[in-house]
Amino acid sequence: MNMRKDKKSKSVLHKINIIICFAVLTIIMTVSVANHLFGKINDGANITQLISYKISAGDNLWMLANRIITKNEDVRDKIIAIQNINGLTATQQLHPGQIIQIPVRSTEDNFRFTVNRH
């Protein structure tokens, strides 16, 4: 009879552990999705805000990325970030009127990106 209780207790504890792990993962995912949806990304040093940008004739990712990089960033890394955020491939063309999300750091010394906000 005692072994049955031990097995049952272990089974209950195991189920509780699974529920706790699931709850923690759910909270982490919810916070991550909320940050993405509400346009704020905390990269540790600065807060990056996602802004909507309406593509104009002649716009390209290199030009956009070059306008938002900081001193220590590589424009190619910023292009990749824009592509990833917007689900763009390296070969996709931007089209006038298209709306994309642009990550902009909101630091005092680097807020020089004026945009065609949508």
N, C-alpha and C. Protein backbone atom coordinates (compact mmCIF):
# COMPACT_ATOMS: atom_id res chain seq x y z
N MET A 1 0.82 -1.18 0.00
CA MET A 1 0.00 0.00 0.00
C MET A 1 0.87 1.26 0.00
N ASN A 2 1.98 1.24 0.73
CA ASN A 2 2.87 2.37 0.83
C ASN A 2 3.54 2.69 -0.52
N MET A 3 3.89 1.65 -1.29
CA MET A 3 4.51 1.84 -2.60
C MET A 3 3.54 2.50 -3.57
N ARG A 4 2.27 2.15 -3.45
CA ARG A 4 1.25 2.76 -4.31
C ARG A 4 1.17 4.27 -4.05
N LYS A 5 1.21 4.66 -2.79
CA LYS A 5 1.16 6.08 -2.45
C LYS A 5 2.39 6.80 -2.98
N ASP A 6 3.57 6.18 -2.86
CA ASP A 6 4.80 6.79 -3.37
C ASP A 6 4.72 6.99 -4.88
N LYS A 7 4.24 5.97 -5.59
CA LYS A 7 4.11 6.08 -7.05
C LYS A 7 3.11 7.16 -7.41
N LYS A 8 2.01 7.20 -6.69
CA LYS A 8 0.98 8.19 -6.95
C LYS A 8 1.51 9.60 -6.65
N SER A 9 2.24 9.76 -5.56
CA SER A 9 2.83 11.05 -5.20
C SER A 9 3.82 11.50 -6.26
N LYS A 10 4.66 10.58 -6.74
CA LYS A 10 5.64 10.92 -7.77
C LYS A 10 4.92 11.32 -9.06
N SER A 11 3.87 10.63 -9.38
CA SER A 11 3.10 10.94 -10.58
C SER A 11 2.47 12.34 -10.47
N VAL A 12 1.92 12.65 -9.33
CA VAL A 12 1.32 13.97 -9.12
C VAL A 12 2.39 15.06 -9.18
N LEU A 13 3.52 14.83 -8.55
CA LEU A 13 4.61 15.80 -8.58
C LEU A 13 5.12 16.02 -10.01
N HIS A 14 5.22 14.94 -10.75
CA HIS A 14 5.66 15.02 -12.14
C HIS A 14 4.68 15.88 -12.95
N LYS A 15 3.40 15.67 -12.76
CA LYS A 15 2.38 16.44 -13.47
C LYS A 15 2.44 17.91 -13.07
N ILE A 16 2.66 18.17 -11.79
CA ILE A 16 2.77 19.56 -11.32
C ILE A 16 3.99 20.24 -11.95
N ASN A 17 5.10 19.52 -12.01
CA ASN A 17 6.31 20.07 -12.64
C ASN A 17 6.07 20.40 -14.11
N ILE A 18 5.37 19.54 -14.81
CA ILE A 18 5.07 19.78 -16.22
C ILE A 18 4.19 21.02 -16.36
N ILE A 19 3.19 21.15 -15.50
CA ILE A 19 2.29 22.30 -15.55
C ILE A 19 3.06 23.59 -15.26
N ILE A 20 3.95 23.57 -14.29
CA ILE A 20 4.74 24.75 -13.96
C ILE A 20 5.64 25.14 -15.13
N CYS A 21 6.31 24.16 -15.73
CA CYS A 21 7.18 24.44 -16.88
C CYS A 21 6.37 25.03 -18.03
N PHE A 22 5.20 24.45 -18.28
CA PHE A 22 4.34 24.95 -19.35
C PHE A 22 3.90 26.39 -19.06
N ALA A 23 3.56 26.68 -17.82
CA ALA A 23 3.13 28.03 -17.44
C ALA A 23 4.26 29.04 -17.64
N VAL A 24 5.48 28.68 -17.23
CA VAL A 24 6.62 29.58 -17.38
C VAL A 24 6.90 29.83 -18.86
N LEU A 25 6.89 28.79 -19.67
CA LEU A 25 7.12 28.96 -21.11
C LEU A 25 6.03 29.82 -21.74
N THR A 26 4.80 29.62 -21.31
CA THR A 26 3.69 30.43 -21.83
C THR A 26 3.88 31.90 -21.50
N ILE A 27 4.30 32.19 -20.30
CA ILE A 27 4.54 33.59 -19.89
C ILE A 27 5.68 34.18 -20.72
N ILE A 28 6.75 33.45 -20.90
CA ILE A 28 7.88 33.95 -21.68
C ILE A 28 7.46 34.23 -23.12
N MET A 29 6.74 33.31 -23.71
CA MET A 29 6.28 33.50 -25.10
C MET A 29 5.31 34.67 -25.20
N THR A 30 4.43 34.82 -24.24
CA THR A 30 3.46 35.91 -24.26
C THR A 30 4.17 37.25 -24.19
N VAL A 31 5.15 37.38 -23.32
CA VAL A 31 5.90 38.63 -23.21
C VAL A 31 6.65 38.91 -24.50
N SER A 32 7.26 37.90 -25.07
CA SER A 32 8.00 38.06 -26.32
C SER A 32 7.09 38.52 -27.46
N VAL A 33 5.95 37.87 -27.59
CA VAL A 33 5.01 38.24 -28.64
C VAL A 33 4.45 39.64 -28.40
N ALA A 34 4.13 39.96 -27.16
CA ALA A 34 3.61 41.29 -26.84
C ALA A 34 4.63 42.37 -27.18
N ASN A 35 5.89 42.13 -26.85
CA ASN A 35 6.94 43.10 -27.19
C ASN A 35 7.01 43.32 -28.69
N HIS A 36 6.91 42.23 -29.44
CA HIS A 36 6.97 42.34 -30.89
C HIS A 36 5.75 43.08 -31.43
N LEU A 37 4.57 42.73 -30.96
CA LEU A 37 3.35 43.34 -31.46
C LEU A 37 3.24 44.81 -31.10
N PHE A 38 3.71 45.18 -29.92
CA PHE A 38 3.58 46.55 -29.49
C PHE A 38 4.80 47.40 -29.85
N GLY A 39 5.73 46.82 -30.63
CA GLY A 39 6.79 47.60 -31.23
C GLY A 39 7.95 47.98 -30.34
N LYS A 40 8.23 47.23 -29.31
CA LYS A 40 9.39 47.55 -28.47
C LYS A 40 10.26 46.29 -28.36
N ILE A 41 11.54 46.48 -28.56
CA ILE A 41 12.50 45.40 -28.41
C ILE A 41 13.57 45.90 -27.46
N ASN A 42 13.82 45.18 -26.39
CA ASN A 42 14.86 45.57 -25.46
C ASN A 42 16.10 44.76 -25.79
N ASP A 43 17.13 45.43 -26.31
CA ASP A 43 18.35 44.71 -26.67
C ASP A 43 19.42 44.82 -25.60
N GLY A 44 19.04 45.19 -24.40
CA GLY A 44 20.00 45.26 -23.30
C GLY A 44 20.47 46.67 -23.04
N ALA A 45 20.99 47.35 -24.04
CA ALA A 45 21.53 48.69 -23.85
C ALA A 45 20.50 49.77 -24.18
N ASN A 46 19.75 49.54 -25.23
CA ASN A 46 18.79 50.53 -25.69
C ASN A 46 17.46 49.84 -25.98
N ILE A 47 16.44 50.64 -26.05
CA ILE A 47 15.14 50.13 -26.48
C ILE A 47 15.05 50.43 -27.97
N THR A 48 14.70 49.43 -28.76
CA THR A 48 14.48 49.62 -30.18
C THR A 48 12.99 49.64 -30.42
N GLN A 49 12.55 50.62 -31.13
CA GLN A 49 11.13 50.75 -31.43
C GLN A 49 10.91 50.39 -32.89
N LEU A 50 9.86 49.62 -33.16
CA LEU A 50 9.49 49.31 -34.53
C LEU A 50 8.51 50.37 -35.01
N ILE A 51 8.87 51.01 -36.12
CA ILE A 51 7.97 52.00 -36.70
C ILE A 51 7.53 51.53 -38.07
N SER A 52 6.32 51.89 -38.43
CA SER A 52 5.81 51.57 -39.77
C SER A 52 6.36 52.59 -40.75
N TYR A 53 6.84 52.11 -41.87
CA TYR A 53 7.40 52.98 -42.90
C TYR A 53 6.75 52.65 -44.23
N LYS A 54 6.26 53.67 -44.91
CA LYS A 54 5.65 53.49 -46.23
C LYS A 54 6.72 53.72 -47.29
N ILE A 55 6.96 52.71 -48.09
CA ILE A 55 8.01 52.76 -49.12
C ILE A 55 7.63 53.78 -50.19
N SER A 56 8.60 54.62 -50.55
CA SER A 56 8.45 55.59 -51.65
C SER A 56 9.28 55.11 -52.83
N ALA A 57 9.00 55.65 -54.00
CA ALA A 57 9.78 55.31 -55.20
C ALA A 57 11.26 55.59 -54.93
N GLY A 58 12.10 54.66 -55.26
CA GLY A 58 13.55 54.83 -55.08
C GLY A 58 14.09 54.31 -53.76
N ASP A 59 13.22 53.99 -52.81
CA ASP A 59 13.69 53.45 -51.53
C ASP A 59 14.27 52.05 -51.71
N ASN A 60 15.31 51.76 -50.95
CA ASN A 60 15.85 50.40 -50.91
C ASN A 60 16.35 50.12 -49.50
N LEU A 61 16.56 48.86 -49.19
CA LEU A 61 16.94 48.49 -47.82
C LEU A 61 18.29 49.07 -47.42
N TRP A 62 19.22 49.15 -48.35
CA TRP A 62 20.55 49.71 -48.03
C TRP A 62 20.41 51.15 -47.57
N MET A 63 19.62 51.95 -48.30
CA MET A 63 19.43 53.36 -47.96
C MET A 63 18.73 53.49 -46.60
N LEU A 64 17.68 52.71 -46.39
CA LEU A 64 16.95 52.78 -45.13
C LEU A 64 17.84 52.36 -43.96
N ALA A 65 18.54 51.24 -44.11
CA ALA A 65 19.40 50.73 -43.04
C ALA A 65 20.53 51.70 -42.74
N ASN A 66 21.08 52.31 -43.76
CA ASN A 66 22.18 53.26 -43.58
C ASN A 66 21.75 54.48 -42.78
N ARG A 67 20.48 54.83 -42.82
CA ARG A 67 19.98 55.99 -42.10
C ARG A 67 19.74 55.71 -40.61
N ILE A 68 19.69 54.43 -40.22
CA ILE A 68 19.36 54.12 -38.82
C ILE A 68 20.47 53.44 -38.05
N ILE A 69 21.60 53.17 -38.69
CA ILE A 69 22.67 52.49 -37.96
C ILE A 69 23.35 53.45 -36.99
N THR A 70 23.87 52.85 -35.93
CA THR A 70 24.66 53.62 -34.98
C THR A 70 26.14 53.47 -35.34
N LYS A 71 27.00 54.16 -34.63
CA LYS A 71 28.43 54.16 -34.93
C LYS A 71 29.04 52.76 -35.00
N ASN A 72 28.62 51.87 -34.11
CA ASN A 72 29.25 50.56 -34.01
C ASN A 72 28.50 49.46 -34.77
N GLU A 73 27.53 49.83 -35.58
CA GLU A 73 26.75 48.82 -36.30
C GLU A 73 27.18 48.73 -37.76
N ASP A 74 26.98 47.56 -38.32
CA ASP A 74 27.24 47.32 -39.73
C ASP A 74 25.92 47.42 -40.48
N VAL A 75 25.90 48.16 -41.57
CA VAL A 75 24.67 48.35 -42.33
C VAL A 75 24.09 47.02 -42.81
N ARG A 76 24.97 46.05 -43.09
CA ARG A 76 24.48 44.74 -43.55
C ARG A 76 23.70 44.01 -42.46
N ASP A 77 24.13 44.16 -41.21
CA ASP A 77 23.40 43.56 -40.09
C ASP A 77 22.02 44.18 -39.94
N LYS A 78 21.94 45.50 -40.15
CA LYS A 78 20.66 46.19 -40.03
C LYS A 78 19.72 45.78 -41.18
N ILE A 79 20.27 45.58 -42.38
CA ILE A 79 19.46 45.12 -43.51
C ILE A 79 18.86 43.75 -43.19
N ILE A 80 19.68 42.87 -42.64
CA ILE A 80 19.21 41.52 -42.28
C ILE A 80 18.12 41.62 -41.22
N ALA A 81 18.28 42.53 -40.25
CA ALA A 81 17.27 42.71 -39.21
C ALA A 81 15.95 43.17 -39.82
N ILE A 82 16.00 44.12 -40.74
CA ILE A 82 14.79 44.60 -41.40
C ILE A 82 14.14 43.47 -42.19
N GLN A 83 14.96 42.70 -42.90
CA GLN A 83 14.42 41.56 -43.67
C GLN A 83 13.73 40.56 -42.74
N ASN A 84 14.39 40.23 -41.63
CA ASN A 84 13.83 39.25 -40.70
C ASN A 84 12.52 39.74 -40.08
N ILE A 85 12.47 40.98 -39.67
CA ILE A 85 11.27 41.54 -39.04
C ILE A 85 10.09 41.51 -40.01
N ASN A 86 10.39 41.75 -41.29
CA ASN A 86 9.32 41.87 -42.28
C ASN A 86 9.12 40.62 -43.13
N GLY A 87 9.88 39.56 -42.85
CA GLY A 87 9.74 38.33 -43.63
C GLY A 87 10.15 38.50 -45.08
N LEU A 88 11.13 39.35 -45.33
CA LEU A 88 11.61 39.61 -46.69
C LEU A 88 12.81 38.73 -46.99
N THR A 89 12.94 38.35 -48.26
CA THR A 89 14.13 37.62 -48.69
C THR A 89 15.11 38.61 -49.30
N ALA A 90 16.33 38.16 -49.51
CA ALA A 90 17.38 39.03 -50.05
C ALA A 90 17.05 39.47 -51.49
N THR A 91 16.25 38.71 -52.19
CA THR A 91 15.96 39.03 -53.59
C THR A 91 14.65 39.79 -53.80
N GLN A 92 13.87 39.97 -52.73
CA GLN A 92 12.60 40.67 -52.88
C GLN A 92 12.80 42.16 -53.09
N GLN A 93 12.02 42.73 -53.99
CA GLN A 93 12.05 44.16 -54.26
C GLN A 93 11.03 44.87 -53.37
N LEU A 94 11.34 46.10 -53.00
CA LEU A 94 10.38 46.93 -52.28
C LEU A 94 9.55 47.68 -53.31
N HIS A 95 8.29 47.91 -52.99
CA HIS A 95 7.38 48.56 -53.93
C HIS A 95 6.78 49.81 -53.29
N PRO A 96 6.67 50.90 -54.06
CA PRO A 96 6.04 52.11 -53.51
C PRO A 96 4.66 51.79 -52.93
N GLY A 97 4.42 52.31 -51.73
CA GLY A 97 3.16 52.06 -51.05
C GLY A 97 3.22 50.90 -50.07
N GLN A 98 4.23 50.06 -50.21
CA GLN A 98 4.40 48.91 -49.30
C GLN A 98 4.72 49.43 -47.90
N ILE A 99 4.16 48.81 -46.89
CA ILE A 99 4.41 49.19 -45.50
C ILE A 99 5.34 48.15 -44.88
N ILE A 100 6.47 48.61 -44.32
CA ILE A 100 7.37 47.71 -43.62
C ILE A 100 7.65 48.26 -42.22
N GLN A 101 8.15 47.40 -41.36
CA GLN A 101 8.54 47.79 -40.01
C GLN A 101 10.04 48.06 -40.00
N ILE A 102 10.43 49.19 -39.43
CA ILE A 102 11.84 49.58 -39.33
C ILE A 102 12.21 49.66 -37.86
N PRO A 103 13.28 48.94 -37.43
CA PRO A 103 13.72 49.05 -36.04
C PRO A 103 14.58 50.31 -35.84
N VAL A 104 14.17 51.18 -34.94
CA VAL A 104 14.90 52.42 -34.69
C VAL A 104 15.26 52.46 -33.22
N ARG A 105 16.54 52.66 -32.93
CA ARG A 105 16.97 52.81 -31.53
C ARG A 105 16.54 54.17 -31.04
N SER A 106 15.98 54.19 -29.86
CA SER A 106 15.52 55.47 -29.31
C SER A 106 16.52 55.99 -28.29
N THR A 107 17.72 56.28 -28.77
CA THR A 107 18.73 56.90 -27.92
C THR A 107 18.79 58.37 -28.28
N GLU A 108 19.24 59.18 -27.36
CA GLU A 108 19.28 60.62 -27.60
C GLU A 108 20.22 60.99 -28.74
N ASP A 109 21.36 60.30 -28.83
CA ASP A 109 22.34 60.67 -29.84
C ASP A 109 22.06 60.07 -31.21
N ASN A 110 21.08 59.20 -31.32
CA ASN A 110 20.80 58.59 -32.62
C ASN A 110 19.30 58.48 -32.85
N PHE A 111 18.66 59.59 -33.05
CA PHE A 111 17.26 59.55 -33.42
C PHE A 111 17.08 60.47 -34.61
N ARG A 112 17.88 60.20 -35.65
CA ARG A 112 17.91 61.08 -36.81
C ARG A 112 17.13 60.51 -37.98
N PHE A 113 16.39 59.44 -37.75
CA PHE A 113 15.65 58.81 -38.83
C PHE A 113 14.26 59.41 -38.91
N THR A 114 14.07 60.26 -39.91
CA THR A 114 12.73 60.82 -40.12
C THR A 114 12.04 59.92 -41.14
N VAL A 115 10.81 59.64 -40.89
CA VAL A 115 10.14 58.61 -41.69
C VAL A 115 8.85 59.10 -42.29
N ASN A 116 8.42 58.35 -43.27
CA ASN A 116 7.11 58.46 -43.88
C ASN A 116 6.21 57.57 -43.05
N ARG A 117 5.84 57.99 -41.89
CA ARG A 117 5.02 57.11 -41.03
C ARG A 117 3.69 56.84 -41.69
N HIS A 118 3.26 55.61 -41.54
CA HIS A 118 1.96 55.20 -42.09
C HIS A 118 0.90 55.28 -41.01
